[in-house]
N, C-alpha and C. Protein backbone atom coordinates (compact mmCIF):
# COMPACT_ATOMS: atom_id res chain seq x y z
N MET A 1 6.99 43.11 271.73
CA MET A 1 6.32 42.25 270.78
C MET A 1 5.79 43.10 269.62
N ALA A 2 5.70 42.47 268.49
CA ALA A 2 5.28 43.15 267.26
C ALA A 2 3.92 42.62 266.81
N THR A 3 3.43 43.15 265.72
CA THR A 3 2.19 42.68 265.09
C THR A 3 2.51 42.25 263.67
N TRP A 4 1.62 41.48 263.07
CA TRP A 4 1.78 41.08 261.68
C TRP A 4 1.76 42.33 260.79
N HIS A 5 2.36 42.20 259.64
CA HIS A 5 2.38 43.32 258.69
C HIS A 5 1.01 43.57 258.09
N THR A 6 0.76 44.82 257.78
CA THR A 6 -0.42 45.25 257.01
C THR A 6 0.12 45.82 255.71
N PRO A 7 -0.74 46.09 254.72
CA PRO A 7 -0.22 46.70 253.49
C PRO A 7 0.58 47.98 253.74
N SER A 8 0.14 48.81 254.66
CA SER A 8 0.86 50.06 254.90
C SER A 8 2.21 49.84 255.58
N THR A 9 2.29 48.92 256.53
CA THR A 9 3.57 48.68 257.19
C THR A 9 4.53 47.95 256.25
N ALA A 10 4.00 47.05 255.43
CA ALA A 10 4.84 46.34 254.46
C ALA A 10 5.40 47.32 253.43
N ARG A 11 4.56 48.21 252.95
CA ARG A 11 4.99 49.19 251.95
C ARG A 11 6.08 50.10 252.51
N ALA A 12 6.03 50.40 253.80
CA ALA A 12 7.05 51.25 254.42
C ALA A 12 8.42 50.59 254.36
N GLU A 13 8.47 49.26 254.35
CA GLU A 13 9.74 48.54 254.31
C GLU A 13 10.06 47.95 252.95
N TRP A 14 9.09 47.96 252.04
CA TRP A 14 9.24 47.35 250.71
C TRP A 14 8.76 48.35 249.67
N ARG A 15 9.67 49.13 249.16
CA ARG A 15 9.34 50.23 248.26
C ARG A 15 8.64 49.77 246.98
N ASP A 16 9.03 48.62 246.43
CA ASP A 16 8.47 48.14 245.16
C ASP A 16 7.31 47.17 245.35
N ALA A 17 6.64 47.25 246.47
CA ALA A 17 5.52 46.34 246.76
C ALA A 17 4.39 46.55 245.74
N PRO A 18 3.61 45.49 245.47
CA PRO A 18 2.49 45.63 244.54
C PRO A 18 1.38 46.49 245.14
N GLU A 19 0.34 46.72 244.37
CA GLU A 19 -0.81 47.51 244.83
C GLU A 19 -1.38 46.90 246.11
N ASP A 20 -2.06 47.72 246.91
CA ASP A 20 -2.52 47.30 248.24
C ASP A 20 -3.42 46.07 248.22
N ASP A 21 -4.35 45.95 247.25
CA ASP A 21 -5.23 44.79 247.25
C ASP A 21 -4.46 43.51 246.95
N VAL A 22 -3.50 43.58 246.04
CA VAL A 22 -2.65 42.42 245.73
C VAL A 22 -1.73 42.13 246.91
N LEU A 23 -1.14 43.17 247.46
CA LEU A 23 -0.24 43.02 248.60
C LEU A 23 -0.96 42.39 249.79
N ALA A 24 -2.20 42.80 250.02
CA ALA A 24 -2.97 42.26 251.15
C ALA A 24 -3.15 40.75 251.00
N SER A 25 -3.44 40.28 249.79
CA SER A 25 -3.64 38.84 249.61
C SER A 25 -2.33 38.07 249.80
N PHE A 26 -1.21 38.63 249.35
CA PHE A 26 0.09 37.99 249.57
C PHE A 26 0.45 37.97 251.06
N LEU A 27 0.11 39.05 251.76
CA LEU A 27 0.38 39.10 253.20
C LEU A 27 -0.41 38.02 253.95
N VAL A 28 -1.65 37.81 253.56
CA VAL A 28 -2.47 36.77 254.20
C VAL A 28 -1.87 35.39 253.95
N ALA A 29 -1.49 35.12 252.70
CA ALA A 29 -0.91 33.82 252.37
C ALA A 29 0.39 33.59 253.13
N ALA A 30 1.24 34.61 253.18
CA ALA A 30 2.52 34.48 253.88
C ALA A 30 2.30 34.30 255.38
N ARG A 31 1.32 35.00 255.93
CA ARG A 31 1.04 34.85 257.36
C ARG A 31 0.60 33.42 257.68
N HIS A 32 -0.27 32.87 256.86
CA HIS A 32 -0.72 31.49 257.08
C HIS A 32 0.46 30.52 257.03
N GLN A 33 1.37 30.73 256.08
CA GLN A 33 2.53 29.85 255.98
C GLN A 33 3.44 30.01 257.19
N CYS A 34 3.65 31.24 257.62
CA CYS A 34 4.51 31.48 258.79
C CYS A 34 3.90 30.88 260.05
N GLU A 35 2.60 31.03 260.21
CA GLU A 35 1.93 30.45 261.38
C GLU A 35 2.00 28.93 261.36
N ALA A 36 1.83 28.34 260.19
CA ALA A 36 1.85 26.88 260.08
C ALA A 36 3.25 26.32 260.34
N PHE A 37 4.27 27.02 259.85
CA PHE A 37 5.64 26.52 260.01
C PHE A 37 6.25 26.91 261.35
N GLY A 38 5.81 28.04 261.89
CA GLY A 38 6.41 28.57 263.11
C GLY A 38 6.17 27.71 264.33
N GLU A 39 6.85 28.10 265.38
CA GLU A 39 6.71 27.39 266.65
C GLU A 39 5.43 27.81 267.35
N THR A 40 5.20 27.28 268.50
CA THR A 40 3.95 27.53 269.23
C THR A 40 4.00 28.77 270.09
N ARG A 41 4.95 29.65 269.85
CA ARG A 41 5.04 30.88 270.65
C ARG A 41 3.80 31.76 270.46
N LEU A 42 3.04 31.56 269.37
CA LEU A 42 1.88 32.40 269.09
C LEU A 42 0.67 32.01 269.93
N VAL A 43 0.69 30.85 270.54
CA VAL A 43 -0.46 30.39 271.30
C VAL A 43 -0.73 31.30 272.50
N VAL A 44 0.30 31.83 273.09
CA VAL A 44 0.15 32.67 274.26
C VAL A 44 -0.65 33.93 273.94
N ASP A 45 -0.27 34.67 272.91
CA ASP A 45 -0.97 35.88 272.51
C ASP A 45 -0.84 36.05 270.99
N PRO A 46 -1.85 35.65 270.23
CA PRO A 46 -1.76 35.70 268.77
C PRO A 46 -1.72 37.11 268.20
N THR A 47 -2.00 38.14 269.00
CA THR A 47 -1.96 39.51 268.48
C THR A 47 -0.59 40.14 268.66
N ALA A 48 0.26 39.58 269.51
CA ALA A 48 1.60 40.09 269.73
C ALA A 48 2.59 39.00 269.35
N ILE A 49 3.26 39.18 268.24
CA ILE A 49 4.17 38.16 267.74
C ILE A 49 5.62 38.59 267.98
N PRO A 50 6.54 37.64 268.01
CA PRO A 50 7.95 38.00 268.13
C PRO A 50 8.41 38.79 266.90
N GLU A 51 9.39 39.63 267.08
CA GLU A 51 9.90 40.46 265.98
C GLU A 51 10.44 39.62 264.83
N ASP A 52 11.06 38.47 265.14
CA ASP A 52 11.58 37.63 264.06
C ASP A 52 10.45 37.07 263.19
N TYR A 53 9.26 36.85 263.77
CA TYR A 53 8.11 36.42 262.96
C TYR A 53 7.68 37.53 262.01
N ARG A 54 7.72 38.75 262.49
CA ARG A 54 7.35 39.89 261.64
C ARG A 54 8.30 40.02 260.45
N ILE A 55 9.59 39.85 260.71
CA ILE A 55 10.57 39.91 259.64
C ILE A 55 10.33 38.78 258.65
N ALA A 56 10.12 37.57 259.17
CA ALA A 56 9.85 36.41 258.31
C ALA A 56 8.59 36.61 257.49
N HIS A 57 7.58 37.26 258.07
CA HIS A 57 6.32 37.51 257.38
C HIS A 57 6.56 38.34 256.12
N LEU A 58 7.32 39.41 256.22
CA LEU A 58 7.58 40.25 255.06
C LEU A 58 8.49 39.53 254.06
N MET A 59 9.49 38.80 254.55
CA MET A 59 10.37 38.06 253.65
C MET A 59 9.58 37.02 252.85
N GLN A 60 8.65 36.32 253.50
CA GLN A 60 7.87 35.30 252.81
C GLN A 60 6.88 35.95 251.85
N THR A 61 6.34 37.10 252.20
CA THR A 61 5.45 37.83 251.29
C THR A 61 6.19 38.19 250.01
N ARG A 62 7.40 38.68 250.16
CA ARG A 62 8.20 39.03 248.98
C ARG A 62 8.52 37.80 248.14
N ALA A 63 8.81 36.67 248.80
CA ALA A 63 9.13 35.44 248.08
C ALA A 63 7.92 34.94 247.29
N ILE A 64 6.74 35.01 247.89
CA ILE A 64 5.52 34.60 247.19
C ILE A 64 5.28 35.50 245.99
N PHE A 65 5.46 36.80 246.18
CA PHE A 65 5.28 37.75 245.08
C PHE A 65 6.27 37.45 243.96
N GLN A 66 7.52 37.19 244.31
CA GLN A 66 8.53 36.89 243.30
C GLN A 66 8.19 35.60 242.55
N ALA A 67 7.74 34.58 243.28
CA ALA A 67 7.37 33.32 242.65
C ALA A 67 6.19 33.52 241.70
N GLN A 68 5.24 34.33 242.09
CA GLN A 68 4.07 34.61 241.24
C GLN A 68 4.49 35.42 240.02
N SER A 69 5.45 36.30 240.18
CA SER A 69 5.91 37.14 239.07
C SER A 69 6.64 36.33 238.02
N THR A 70 7.21 35.21 238.40
CA THR A 70 7.94 34.36 237.46
C THR A 70 7.11 33.16 237.03
N ALA A 71 5.81 33.20 237.29
CA ALA A 71 4.94 32.06 237.00
C ALA A 71 4.81 31.78 235.51
N THR A 72 5.20 32.70 234.65
CA THR A 72 5.09 32.47 233.21
C THR A 72 6.08 31.42 232.74
N ASN A 73 7.13 31.18 233.50
CA ASN A 73 8.11 30.17 233.18
C ASN A 73 7.64 28.85 233.79
N PRO A 74 7.35 27.83 232.97
CA PRO A 74 6.82 26.57 233.50
C PRO A 74 7.78 25.85 234.43
N GLU A 75 9.05 26.15 234.37
CA GLU A 75 10.02 25.50 235.24
C GLU A 75 10.04 26.11 236.63
N GLY A 76 9.37 27.28 236.81
CA GLY A 76 9.40 27.96 238.09
C GLY A 76 10.72 28.66 238.33
N GLU A 77 11.39 29.04 237.25
CA GLU A 77 12.68 29.70 237.36
C GLU A 77 12.60 31.10 236.78
N TYR A 78 13.47 31.94 237.24
CA TYR A 78 13.58 33.31 236.77
C TYR A 78 14.85 33.40 235.93
N GLU A 79 14.73 33.82 234.68
CA GLU A 79 15.89 33.85 233.79
C GLU A 79 16.29 35.28 233.45
N VAL A 80 17.57 35.55 233.56
CA VAL A 80 18.13 36.83 233.16
C VAL A 80 19.46 36.56 232.48
N GLY A 81 19.57 36.98 231.25
CA GLY A 81 20.85 36.81 230.54
C GLY A 81 21.32 35.38 230.48
N GLY A 82 20.41 34.43 230.32
CA GLY A 82 20.78 33.03 230.24
C GLY A 82 21.01 32.35 231.57
N GLN A 83 20.95 33.09 232.66
CA GLN A 83 21.13 32.52 234.00
C GLN A 83 19.76 32.26 234.62
N SER A 84 19.61 31.15 235.28
CA SER A 84 18.34 30.81 235.92
C SER A 84 18.51 30.76 237.43
N VAL A 85 17.47 31.21 238.12
CA VAL A 85 17.44 31.15 239.58
C VAL A 85 16.15 30.44 239.97
N ARG A 86 16.25 29.33 240.67
CA ARG A 86 15.08 28.60 241.11
C ARG A 86 14.47 29.31 242.31
N VAL A 87 13.15 29.45 242.31
CA VAL A 87 12.42 30.09 243.40
C VAL A 87 11.83 28.99 244.27
N TYR A 88 12.17 28.98 245.56
CA TYR A 88 11.68 27.96 246.49
C TYR A 88 10.50 28.51 247.29
N PRO A 89 9.58 27.64 247.71
CA PRO A 89 8.39 28.08 248.43
C PRO A 89 8.69 28.82 249.73
N MET A 90 9.58 28.31 250.56
CA MET A 90 9.93 29.01 251.78
C MET A 90 11.44 28.92 251.95
N ASP A 91 12.09 30.05 251.91
CA ASP A 91 13.53 30.14 251.99
C ASP A 91 14.04 29.67 253.35
N TRP A 92 15.25 29.14 253.38
CA TRP A 92 15.82 28.66 254.64
C TRP A 92 15.98 29.78 255.65
N GLN A 93 16.19 31.02 255.16
CA GLN A 93 16.32 32.14 256.08
C GLN A 93 15.01 32.45 256.79
N VAL A 94 13.90 32.33 256.05
CA VAL A 94 12.59 32.53 256.66
C VAL A 94 12.34 31.43 257.68
N LYS A 95 12.64 30.20 257.29
CA LYS A 95 12.45 29.08 258.21
C LYS A 95 13.28 29.24 259.48
N SER A 96 14.51 29.73 259.33
CA SER A 96 15.36 29.88 260.53
C SER A 96 14.88 31.00 261.44
N LEU A 97 14.17 31.99 260.88
CA LEU A 97 13.57 33.02 261.73
C LEU A 97 12.38 32.45 262.52
N LEU A 98 11.64 31.55 261.89
CA LEU A 98 10.46 30.98 262.52
C LEU A 98 10.80 29.86 263.50
N ARG A 99 11.83 29.09 263.18
CA ARG A 99 12.28 27.99 264.03
C ARG A 99 13.80 28.07 264.16
N PRO A 100 14.29 28.91 265.05
CA PRO A 100 15.75 29.05 265.20
C PRO A 100 16.40 27.73 265.64
N ALA A 101 17.61 27.51 265.12
CA ALA A 101 18.36 26.32 265.51
C ALA A 101 18.76 26.43 266.96
N ARG A 102 18.64 25.36 267.65
CA ARG A 102 19.01 25.31 269.05
C ARG A 102 20.38 24.65 269.17
N GLY A 103 21.18 25.18 270.06
CA GLY A 103 22.48 24.56 270.31
C GLY A 103 22.30 23.23 271.02
N VAL A 104 23.15 22.30 270.70
CA VAL A 104 23.11 20.99 271.34
C VAL A 104 24.22 20.94 272.36
N PRO A 105 23.87 20.71 273.62
CA PRO A 105 24.93 20.63 274.62
C PRO A 105 25.85 19.46 274.32
N GLY A 106 27.10 19.70 274.47
CA GLY A 106 28.07 18.64 274.19
C GLY A 106 29.07 18.50 275.32
N LEU A 107 29.77 17.45 275.24
CA LEU A 107 30.83 17.21 276.23
C LEU A 107 32.14 17.63 275.61
N GLY A 108 32.89 18.35 276.32
CA GLY A 108 34.11 18.75 275.66
C GLY A 108 35.17 19.02 276.55
């Protein structure tokens, strides 16, 4: 089992992370979102989380930072060379780490 990211552990995996005080606030926001969206596996021991939650935590932190960095655009889009990329609140990859798809038994 893993633990939630701290500024130092996040920085070890994210070279371009913002300053520690800013990073800490993004980590808290991302953790709250991951806990709210995630399954109830955390109820057993909230200090030891599954590794996929830890990965999702850092991915969501980066997504929040990216969304905040593009906040000057009222459309919520990031533009480069005339191309726009819409930034979504929680990426499907983060969601799938928090709530993995279950196979449906079938008859075959």
